[in-house]
């Protein structure tokens, strides 16, 4: 409980909520209980529903809140507030990494990636998807594998290309960036190189650069590669690794209304995949003197950490379950899921500290364990914070009663429909 309240102190939660106008002056809403209800307010086998979050709040806070009172607080200001809490948590919480490759020579290793979130079709105008009659958002992350943190979060519609959110500049100096194919652009790679940074990316299937030099000598009757296009020789090769220098052509950014053509030389490395009888191809500006082909393949595996984060968010925290047409509620649920992930990782670090050195905690197994204990943690946290929720029977009566008097319940409707009609 001390660990959780150190991460998000009650005083900090209350003061920032007041700054943004999330709460009124009478403070009827107890913000710490409200936030912790969003973090822990789900149970095994239950999706994230607004009614579920309200029940979690009512079982924690000193006074319960009505459905109307709860829903009217789901505003753009609350979404902004939760985003601020995510940003605060990102600065405090380490995201565990399992990278074995030697990456200490770089100031940071940055992983850029994004994932699509399917939304209610009524949001298709605000969150345009790639297919008609659908709505989709995209969550973009910049993950710092060196500091084990998430450096940046962006939420856009599905059609916004990942690469438009990645800006090159002097911040890249002595940093290594790992890209998936969504970010593949020779001009971007050139700009990283010119800013003193480094990159590793998978090579696109249709990329066919000209080989200008071989960076490794082969004994015997090896096929000469210099001067040939890469794709022309791949099928004829059986060597374990390909390590060549290539020349690529690309358009520079617009200047005085025109875009000039330019060329740049990079390194292409292939690591043979015996199962598929082909190569995993990477393009990079890392030198052979420091990184052999096997090293590059190992470094690129760092990207798997981000894929695991996305999978955990979707499978354990229902990041992809947005059955609402309210744009603000979508953002609130998104940031609530991210807060749950951050709190989960903070508790994982605590558990790791307390356990023996020989004990291993697989991330997905830990996430399932955390989720199954979420309600218990919320209950004990409420007691730790000094809350005295209404008696259980009182809460059961309030949550289970019919809310709208004008809406007949099913039994009433059936009884009315089956009554014999009087003859006129």
Protein backbone atom coordinates (compact mmCIF):
# COMPACT_ATOMS: atom_id res chain seq x y z
CA UNK A 1 0.00 0.00 0.00
CA UNK A 2 2.91 2.32 0.73
CA UNK A 3 4.34 1.55 -2.69
CA UNK A 4 1.07 2.44 -4.45
CA UNK A 5 0.48 5.64 -2.50
CA UNK A 6 4.06 6.70 -3.11
CA UNK A 7 3.52 6.30 -6.85
CA UNK A 8 0.27 8.33 -6.74
CA UNK A 9 0.03 10.20 -3.39
CA UNK A 10 -3.52 11.22 -2.44
CA UNK A 11 -2.46 14.84 -1.99
CA UNK A 12 -1.03 14.93 -5.52
CA UNK A 13 -4.18 13.35 -6.98
CA UNK A 14 -6.43 15.86 -5.20
CA UNK A 15 -4.35 18.96 -5.95
CA UNK A 16 -3.98 18.21 -9.65
CA UNK A 17 -7.69 17.39 -9.96
CA UNK A 18 -8.51 20.75 -8.43
CA UNK A 19 -6.06 22.54 -10.73
CA UNK A 20 -7.77 21.11 -13.82
CA UNK A 21 -11.30 21.51 -12.46
CA UNK A 22 -12.07 17.80 -12.30
CA UNK A 23 -13.76 18.24 -8.90
CA UNK A 24 -15.97 20.93 -7.40
CA UNK A 25 -15.04 22.84 -4.30
CA UNK A 26 -17.29 20.78 -2.04
CA UNK A 27 -15.14 17.77 -2.89
CA UNK A 28 -18.11 15.40 -2.76
CA UNK A 29 -16.23 13.15 -5.16
CA UNK A 30 -13.27 11.50 -3.45
CA UNK A 31 -10.63 11.67 -6.15
CA UNK A 32 -8.13 9.09 -4.75
CA UNK A 33 -10.90 6.48 -4.52
CA UNK A 34 -12.16 7.52 -7.96
CA UNK A 35 -8.73 7.02 -9.57
CA UNK A 36 -7.94 3.75 -7.81
CA UNK A 37 -11.36 2.45 -8.87
CA UNK A 38 -10.34 3.02 -12.49
CA UNK A 39 -6.99 1.31 -11.90
CA UNK A 40 -8.35 -1.77 -10.12
CA UNK A 41 -12.04 -1.64 -11.05
CA UNK A 42 -12.31 -4.87 -13.00
CA UNK A 43 -12.54 -8.54 -12.13
CA UNK A 44 -11.57 -11.79 -13.79
CA UNK A 45 -13.71 -12.51 -16.83
CA UNK A 46 -15.37 -9.09 -16.70
CA UNK A 47 -14.75 -6.41 -19.31
CA UNK A 48 -14.16 -2.80 -18.41
CA UNK A 49 -17.62 -1.25 -18.06
CA UNK A 50 -18.55 2.13 -16.66
CA UNK A 51 -21.07 0.49 -14.35
CA UNK A 52 -18.30 -1.77 -13.04
CA UNK A 53 -16.04 1.20 -12.31
CA UNK A 54 -18.89 2.96 -10.48
CA UNK A 55 -19.54 -0.12 -8.33
CA UNK A 56 -15.83 -0.31 -7.51
CA UNK A 57 -15.88 3.34 -6.45
CA UNK A 58 -19.00 2.82 -4.31
CA UNK A 59 -17.38 -0.15 -2.56
CA UNK A 60 -14.31 1.96 -1.71
CA UNK A 61 -15.32 5.59 -1.01
CA UNK A 62 -17.08 6.93 2.08
CA UNK A 63 -20.19 7.89 0.12
CA UNK A 64 -21.66 6.20 -2.93
CA UNK A 65 -22.35 8.04 -6.16
CA UNK A 66 -25.41 7.67 -8.38
CA UNK A 67 -25.14 6.56 -12.02
CA UNK A 68 -26.01 10.06 -13.20
CA UNK A 69 -23.48 11.65 -10.87
CA UNK A 70 -20.82 9.22 -12.07
CA UNK A 71 -21.46 9.55 -15.79
CA UNK A 72 -21.57 13.36 -15.74
CA UNK A 73 -17.95 13.35 -14.54
CA UNK A 74 -16.72 11.49 -17.63
CA UNK A 75 -15.60 14.68 -19.36
CA UNK A 76 -12.75 15.85 -21.61
CA UNK A 77 -11.18 17.34 -18.47
CA UNK A 78 -11.14 13.93 -16.78
CA UNK A 79 -9.53 12.43 -19.90
CA UNK A 80 -6.84 15.14 -19.75
CA UNK A 81 -6.34 14.48 -16.04
CA UNK A 82 -5.88 10.73 -16.56
CA UNK A 83 -3.43 11.38 -19.37
CA UNK A 84 -1.40 13.56 -16.97
CA UNK A 85 -1.37 10.70 -14.46
CA UNK A 86 -0.10 8.34 -17.17
CA UNK A 87 2.68 10.81 -18.00
CA UNK A 88 3.53 11.05 -14.30
CA UNK A 89 3.58 7.27 -13.98
CA UNK A 90 5.81 6.90 -17.02
CA UNK A 91 8.45 8.99 -15.28
CA UNK A 92 8.27 6.83 -12.15
CA UNK A 93 7.72 3.25 -13.30
CA UNK A 94 10.25 1.03 -15.03
CA UNK A 95 8.96 -1.26 -17.78
CA UNK A 96 11.01 -4.46 -17.43
CA UNK A 97 13.12 -5.42 -20.40
CA UNK A 98 14.77 -8.75 -21.24
CA UNK A 99 17.43 -7.57 -23.67
CA UNK A 100 20.62 -9.64 -23.69
CA UNK A 101 22.47 -7.74 -26.43
CA UNK A 102 25.21 -5.24 -25.52
CA UNK A 103 23.58 -1.85 -25.98
CA UNK A 104 25.55 0.11 -23.40
CA UNK A 105 27.56 2.01 -26.02
CA UNK A 106 24.40 4.00 -26.95
CA UNK A 107 22.93 6.81 -24.91
CA UNK A 108 19.50 5.21 -25.34
CA UNK A 109 17.83 2.49 -27.37
CA UNK A 110 14.44 3.71 -28.61
CA UNK A 111 11.69 1.45 -30.00
CA UNK A 112 8.93 3.04 -32.07
CA UNK A 113 5.68 1.15 -32.62
CA UNK A 114 1.90 1.46 -32.77
CA UNK A 115 -1.20 -0.70 -32.44
CA UNK A 116 -4.77 -0.32 -33.73
CA UNK A 117 -7.75 -0.14 -31.37
CA UNK A 118 -11.19 -0.94 -32.80
CA UNK A 119 -13.90 1.54 -31.76
CA UNK A 120 -17.68 1.89 -32.06
CA UNK A 121 -18.73 2.61 -35.64
CA UNK A 122 -20.50 5.82 -34.53
CA UNK A 123 -17.03 7.32 -33.97
CA UNK A 124 -15.98 6.77 -37.60
CA UNK A 125 -15.93 10.49 -38.41
CA UNK A 126 -13.62 11.35 -35.51
CA UNK A 127 -11.54 8.15 -35.67
CA UNK A 128 -11.36 7.28 -39.33
CA UNK A 129 -10.43 3.67 -40.06
CA UNK A 130 -8.86 2.09 -43.11
CA UNK A 131 -12.14 0.39 -44.00
CA UNK A 132 -15.55 1.97 -44.44
CA UNK A 133 -18.21 1.64 -41.74
CA UNK A 134 -15.52 1.12 -39.10
CA UNK A 135 -13.84 3.34 -36.55
CA UNK A 136 -10.33 2.84 -35.30
CA UNK A 137 -7.78 4.60 -33.11
CA UNK A 138 -4.06 4.00 -33.04
CA UNK A 139 -1.87 4.03 -29.96
CA UNK A 140 1.71 5.09 -30.73
CA UNK A 141 4.54 4.44 -28.27
CA UNK A 142 8.19 5.44 -28.02
CA UNK A 143 9.71 2.87 -25.67
CA UNK A 144 13.12 3.56 -24.13
CA UNK A 145 14.69 0.12 -23.68
CA UNK A 146 17.72 1.59 -21.89
CA UNK A 147 15.81 3.45 -19.16
CA UNK A 148 13.04 0.84 -19.28
CA UNK A 149 10.34 3.48 -19.64
CA UNK A 150 7.80 4.63 -22.20
CA UNK A 151 8.96 8.04 -23.36
CA UNK A 152 5.97 9.17 -25.37
CA UNK A 153 2.34 8.23 -26.02
CA UNK A 154 0.19 9.51 -28.88
CA UNK A 155 -3.38 8.60 -29.79
CA UNK A 156 -4.60 9.24 -33.34
CA UNK A 157 -7.14 7.83 -35.76
CA UNK A 158 -6.27 4.58 -37.51
CA UNK A 159 -5.46 6.27 -40.82
CA UNK A 160 -2.68 8.40 -39.33
CA UNK A 161 0.55 6.73 -40.41
CA UNK A 162 2.96 5.76 -37.64
CA UNK A 163 5.88 7.41 -39.39
CA UNK A 164 4.28 10.90 -39.35
CA UNK A 165 4.65 11.02 -35.56
CA UNK A 166 8.37 10.23 -35.57
CA UNK A 167 10.36 13.45 -35.90
CA UNK A 168 14.09 13.44 -36.60
CA UNK A 169 16.45 15.98 -35.08
CA UNK A 170 19.42 16.53 -32.81
CA UNK A 171 17.74 14.49 -30.04
CA UNK A 172 18.82 11.37 -31.97
CA UNK A 173 22.56 11.88 -31.36
CA UNK A 174 24.15 8.64 -30.08
CA UNK A 175 20.73 7.01 -29.78
CA UNK A 176 19.81 3.74 -31.49
CA UNK A 177 16.27 3.53 -32.90
CA UNK A 178 14.61 0.21 -33.78
CA UNK A 179 11.86 0.41 -36.42
CA UNK A 180 9.26 -1.92 -37.82
CA UNK A 181 8.25 -1.68 -41.48
CA UNK A 182 5.64 1.02 -40.80
CA UNK A 183 8.48 3.52 -40.32
CA UNK A 184 10.56 2.42 -43.32
CA UNK A 185 11.88 5.45 -45.24
CA UNK A 186 15.35 5.92 -46.66
CA UNK A 187 15.08 9.68 -46.09
CA UNK A 188 14.34 9.07 -42.41
CA UNK A 189 17.35 6.76 -42.12
CA UNK A 190 19.54 9.38 -43.79
CA UNK A 191 18.34 12.08 -41.37
CA UNK A 192 19.08 9.84 -38.36
CA UNK A 193 22.57 9.19 -39.70
CA UNK A 194 23.19 12.90 -40.32
CA UNK A 195 22.09 13.74 -36.77
CA UNK A 196 24.63 11.35 -35.27
CA UNK A 197 22.09 8.64 -34.47
CA UNK A 198 21.81 4.96 -35.34
CA UNK A 199 19.01 2.73 -36.56
CA UNK A 200 18.08 -0.87 -37.31
CA UNK A 201 15.03 -1.68 -39.42
CA UNK A 202 13.65 -4.68 -41.26
CA UNK A 203 14.10 -4.28 -45.00
CA UNK A 204 10.88 -3.91 -46.97
CA UNK A 205 9.88 -6.73 -49.27
CA UNK A 206 9.93 -4.47 -52.34
CA UNK A 207 13.23 -2.77 -51.43
CA UNK A 208 15.89 -3.81 -53.95
CA UNK A 209 19.04 -1.71 -53.45
CA UNK A 210 22.24 -2.08 -55.43
CA UNK A 211 25.11 -3.83 -53.62
CA UNK A 212 28.25 -1.67 -53.67
CA UNK A 213 30.55 -3.82 -51.51
CA UNK A 214 30.72 -7.04 -49.53
CA UNK A 215 31.66 -6.58 -45.89
CA UNK A 216 32.69 -10.18 -45.36
CA UNK A 217 34.99 -12.35 -47.44
CA UNK A 218 33.91 -15.91 -48.28
CA UNK A 219 36.28 -18.73 -49.11
CA UNK A 220 35.96 -20.94 -52.14
CA UNK A 221 33.63 -20.32 -55.07
CA UNK A 222 31.38 -17.76 -53.41
CA UNK A 223 28.91 -15.89 -55.63
CA UNK A 224 30.17 -12.32 -56.20
CA UNK A 225 27.54 -9.76 -55.13
CA UNK A 226 29.06 -6.37 -55.89
CA UNK A 227 27.16 -4.40 -58.53
CA UNK A 228 24.05 -6.61 -58.36
CA UNK A 229 20.65 -5.81 -56.94
CA UNK A 230 19.95 -7.55 -53.66
CA UNK A 231 16.76 -9.40 -54.60
CA UNK A 232 18.36 -10.83 -57.74
CA UNK A 233 20.87 -12.90 -55.78
CA UNK A 234 18.97 -13.91 -52.63
CA UNK A 235 17.56 -17.16 -54.03
CA UNK A 236 21.02 -18.31 -55.09
CA UNK A 237 22.63 -17.83 -51.70
CA UNK A 238 22.92 -20.47 -48.98
CA UNK A 239 25.43 -18.77 -46.67
CA UNK A 240 24.48 -18.25 -43.02
CA UNK A 241 24.83 -14.49 -43.17
CA UNK A 242 24.67 -11.73 -45.75
CA UNK A 243 26.65 -8.62 -44.91
CA UNK A 244 26.88 -6.00 -47.65
CA UNK A 245 26.98 -2.26 -48.28
CA UNK A 246 24.20 -0.93 -50.51
CA UNK A 247 23.37 2.35 -52.20
CA UNK A 248 19.81 3.65 -52.02
CA UNK A 249 18.08 6.54 -53.75
CA UNK A 250 15.49 8.77 -52.10
CA UNK A 251 13.91 12.21 -52.29
CA UNK A 252 15.00 14.90 -49.88
CA UNK A 253 12.44 17.09 -48.10
CA UNK A 254 10.94 20.00 -50.04
CA UNK A 255 13.17 23.06 -50.47
CA UNK A 256 12.02 26.12 -52.44
CA UNK A 257 9.13 24.10 -53.78
CA UNK A 258 11.21 21.20 -55.14
CA UNK A 259 12.44 17.87 -53.81
CA UNK A 260 15.86 16.80 -55.01
CA UNK A 261 17.04 13.22 -55.47
CA UNK A 262 19.88 11.99 -53.29
CA UNK A 263 21.72 8.75 -52.57
CA UNK A 264 23.08 7.24 -49.39
CA UNK A 265 25.02 4.11 -48.50
CA UNK A 266 23.82 1.84 -45.73
CA UNK A 267 24.54 -1.66 -44.52
CA UNK A 268 22.19 -4.57 -45.22
CA UNK A 269 22.49 -7.71 -43.11
CA UNK A 270 20.73 -11.01 -43.71
CA UNK A 271 20.42 -13.78 -41.11
CA UNK A 272 19.30 -17.09 -42.57
CA UNK A 273 16.05 -18.58 -41.32
CA UNK A 274 16.47 -22.29 -41.96
CA UNK A 275 12.84 -23.14 -41.20
CA UNK A 276 11.53 -20.82 -43.91
CA UNK A 277 14.56 -21.23 -46.19
CA UNK A 278 15.02 -17.47 -46.54
CA UNK A 279 16.67 -14.50 -44.80
CA UNK A 280 15.64 -11.98 -42.20
CA UNK A 281 16.96 -8.79 -43.78
CA UNK A 282 17.90 -5.68 -41.82
CA UNK A 283 19.09 -2.25 -42.93
CA UNK A 284 21.29 -0.24 -40.56
CA UNK A 285 24.12 2.27 -40.25
CA UNK A 286 25.88 0.31 -37.51
CA UNK A 287 29.39 -0.71 -38.50
CA UNK A 288 30.59 -4.28 -38.94
CA UNK A 289 33.59 -3.56 -36.72
CA UNK A 290 31.29 -3.21 -33.72
CA UNK A 291 28.27 -5.36 -34.59
CA UNK A 292 28.28 -8.67 -36.42
CA UNK A 293 25.11 -9.90 -38.18
CA UNK A 294 24.10 -12.09 -35.22
CA UNK A 295 24.44 -9.05 -32.94
CA UNK A 296 22.03 -7.06 -35.10
CA UNK A 297 19.45 -9.84 -35.03
CA UNK A 298 19.73 -9.99 -31.25
CA UNK A 299 19.38 -6.21 -30.88
CA UNK A 300 16.31 -6.18 -33.10
CA UNK A 301 14.66 -8.69 -30.79
CA UNK A 302 14.30 -5.79 -28.32
CA UNK A 303 11.25 -4.83 -30.38
CA UNK A 304 9.46 -7.90 -29.06
CA UNK A 305 9.19 -6.15 -25.68
CA UNK A 306 6.84 -3.55 -27.16
CA UNK A 307 4.77 -6.24 -28.88
CA UNK A 308 4.37 -7.96 -25.50
CA UNK A 309 3.24 -4.67 -23.96
CA UNK A 310 0.55 -4.24 -26.61
CA UNK A 311 -0.60 -7.84 -26.21
CA UNK A 312 -0.79 -7.47 -22.44
CA UNK A 313 -2.80 -4.26 -22.74
CA UNK A 314 -5.30 -5.92 -25.07
CA UNK A 315 -5.65 -9.32 -23.41
CA UNK A 316 -5.37 -8.40 -19.72
CA UNK A 317 -6.60 -4.79 -19.59
CA UNK A 318 -9.18 -4.87 -22.41
CA UNK A 319 -7.52 -2.05 -24.29
CA UNK A 320 -9.32 -3.17 -27.43
CA UNK A 321 -12.82 -3.31 -25.84
CA UNK A 322 -14.49 0.05 -26.45
CA UNK A 323 -18.24 -0.51 -26.66
CA UNK A 324 -19.07 3.20 -26.45
CA UNK A 325 -19.78 5.95 -28.97
CA UNK A 326 -18.55 8.67 -26.59
CA UNK A 327 -15.14 10.00 -27.64
CA UNK A 328 -14.28 11.20 -24.13
CA UNK A 329 -15.13 7.82 -22.61
CA UNK A 330 -12.83 6.13 -25.15
CA UNK A 331 -9.92 8.28 -23.98
CA UNK A 332 -10.80 7.74 -20.31
CA UNK A 333 -10.85 3.94 -20.74
CA UNK A 334 -7.63 4.04 -22.75
CA UNK A 335 -5.75 5.98 -20.08
CA UNK A 336 -7.31 3.83 -17.33
CA UNK A 337 -5.89 0.74 -19.04
CA UNK A 338 -2.45 2.37 -19.26
CA UNK A 339 -2.63 3.32 -15.59
CA UNK A 340 -3.49 -0.29 -14.74
CA UNK A 341 -0.44 -1.45 -16.68
CA UNK A 342 1.86 1.02 -14.92
CA UNK A 343 0.55 0.09 -11.47
CA UNK A 344 0.85 -3.60 -12.36
CA UNK A 345 4.50 -3.13 -13.30
CA UNK A 346 5.20 -1.15 -10.13
CA UNK A 347 3.83 -4.01 -8.05
CA UNK A 348 5.78 -6.52 -10.14
CA UNK A 349 8.96 -4.68 -9.23
CA UNK A 350 7.96 -4.84 -5.55
CA UNK A 351 7.21 -8.57 -5.79
CA UNK A 352 10.55 -9.17 -7.54
CA UNK A 353 12.39 -7.34 -4.77
CA UNK A 354 10.71 -9.47 -2.08
CA UNK A 355 11.07 -12.83 -3.84
CA UNK A 356 14.20 -14.97 -4.07
CA UNK A 357 16.71 -14.35 -6.84
CA UNK A 358 15.93 -17.70 -8.45
CA UNK A 359 12.22 -16.93 -8.92
CA UNK A 360 11.11 -15.79 -12.39
CA UNK A 361 7.88 -13.88 -13.11
CA UNK A 362 6.78 -14.17 -16.76
CA UNK A 363 5.05 -10.86 -17.67
CA UNK A 364 1.80 -12.39 -18.94
CA UNK A 365 1.48 -14.75 -15.96
CA UNK A 366 2.08 -11.81 -13.65
CA UNK A 367 -0.55 -9.73 -15.48
CA UNK A 368 -3.15 -12.48 -15.03
CA UNK A 369 -2.23 -12.79 -11.34
CA UNK A 370 -2.47 -9.02 -10.85
CA UNK A 371 -5.87 -8.90 -12.50
CA UNK A 372 -7.28 -11.76 -10.43
CA UNK A 373 -6.27 -9.96 -7.22
CA UNK A 374 -7.28 -6.46 -8.35
CA UNK A 375 -10.51 -6.26 -6.30
CA UNK A 376 -8.73 -7.49 -3.17
CA UNK A 377 -5.96 -4.92 -3.62
CA UNK A 378 -8.54 -2.14 -4.09
CA UNK A 379 -10.37 -3.22 -0.90
CA UNK A 380 -7.19 -3.22 1.20
CA UNK A 381 -6.03 0.04 -0.35
CA UNK A 382 -9.35 1.68 0.61
CA UNK A 383 -8.86 0.56 4.21
CA UNK A 384 -5.26 1.79 4.16
CA UNK A 385 -6.45 5.23 2.98
CA UNK A 386 -9.03 5.34 5.77
CA UNK A 387 -12.20 5.09 3.70
CA UNK A 388 -15.40 3.71 5.28
CA UNK A 389 -17.78 2.67 2.50
CA UNK A 390 -21.52 2.28 3.22
CA UNK A 391 -22.67 -1.11 4.55
CA UNK A 392 -22.64 -3.89 2.00
CA UNK A 393 -26.42 -4.46 2.10
CA UNK A 394 -27.03 -0.77 1.46
CA UNK A 395 -24.71 -0.85 -1.57
CA UNK A 396 -26.37 -4.00 -2.93
CA UNK A 397 -29.81 -2.37 -2.70
CA UNK A 398 -28.61 0.80 -4.39
CA UNK A 399 -26.79 -0.95 -7.25
CA UNK A 400 -29.48 -3.52 -7.99
CA UNK A 401 -32.60 -1.32 -7.95
CA UNK A 402 -34.35 -0.09 -11.07
CA UNK A 403 -32.98 3.32 -11.99
CA UNK A 404 -35.47 4.71 -14.52
CA UNK A 405 -39.04 4.53 -13.27
CA UNK A 406 -40.42 4.97 -16.80
CA UNK A 407 -38.71 1.80 -18.01
CA UNK A 408 -40.71 -1.33 -17.11
CA UNK A 409 -38.65 -4.32 -16.13
CA UNK A 410 -39.01 -7.55 -18.11
CA UNK A 411 -41.46 -9.20 -15.69
CA UNK A 412 -43.75 -6.15 -15.77
CA UNK A 413 -43.70 -6.09 -19.56
CA UNK A 414 -44.54 -9.78 -19.82
CA UNK A 415 -47.32 -9.52 -17.25
CA UNK A 416 -48.92 -6.65 -19.12
CA UNK A 417 -48.64 -8.43 -22.46
CA UNK A 418 -50.27 -11.63 -21.18
CA UNK A 419 -53.23 -10.02 -19.37
CA UNK A 420 -56.62 -10.73 -21.07
CA UNK A 421 -57.92 -7.64 -22.77
CA UNK A 422 -61.31 -6.35 -21.77
CA UNK A 423 -63.93 -6.29 -24.49
CA UNK A 424 -65.13 -2.88 -25.38
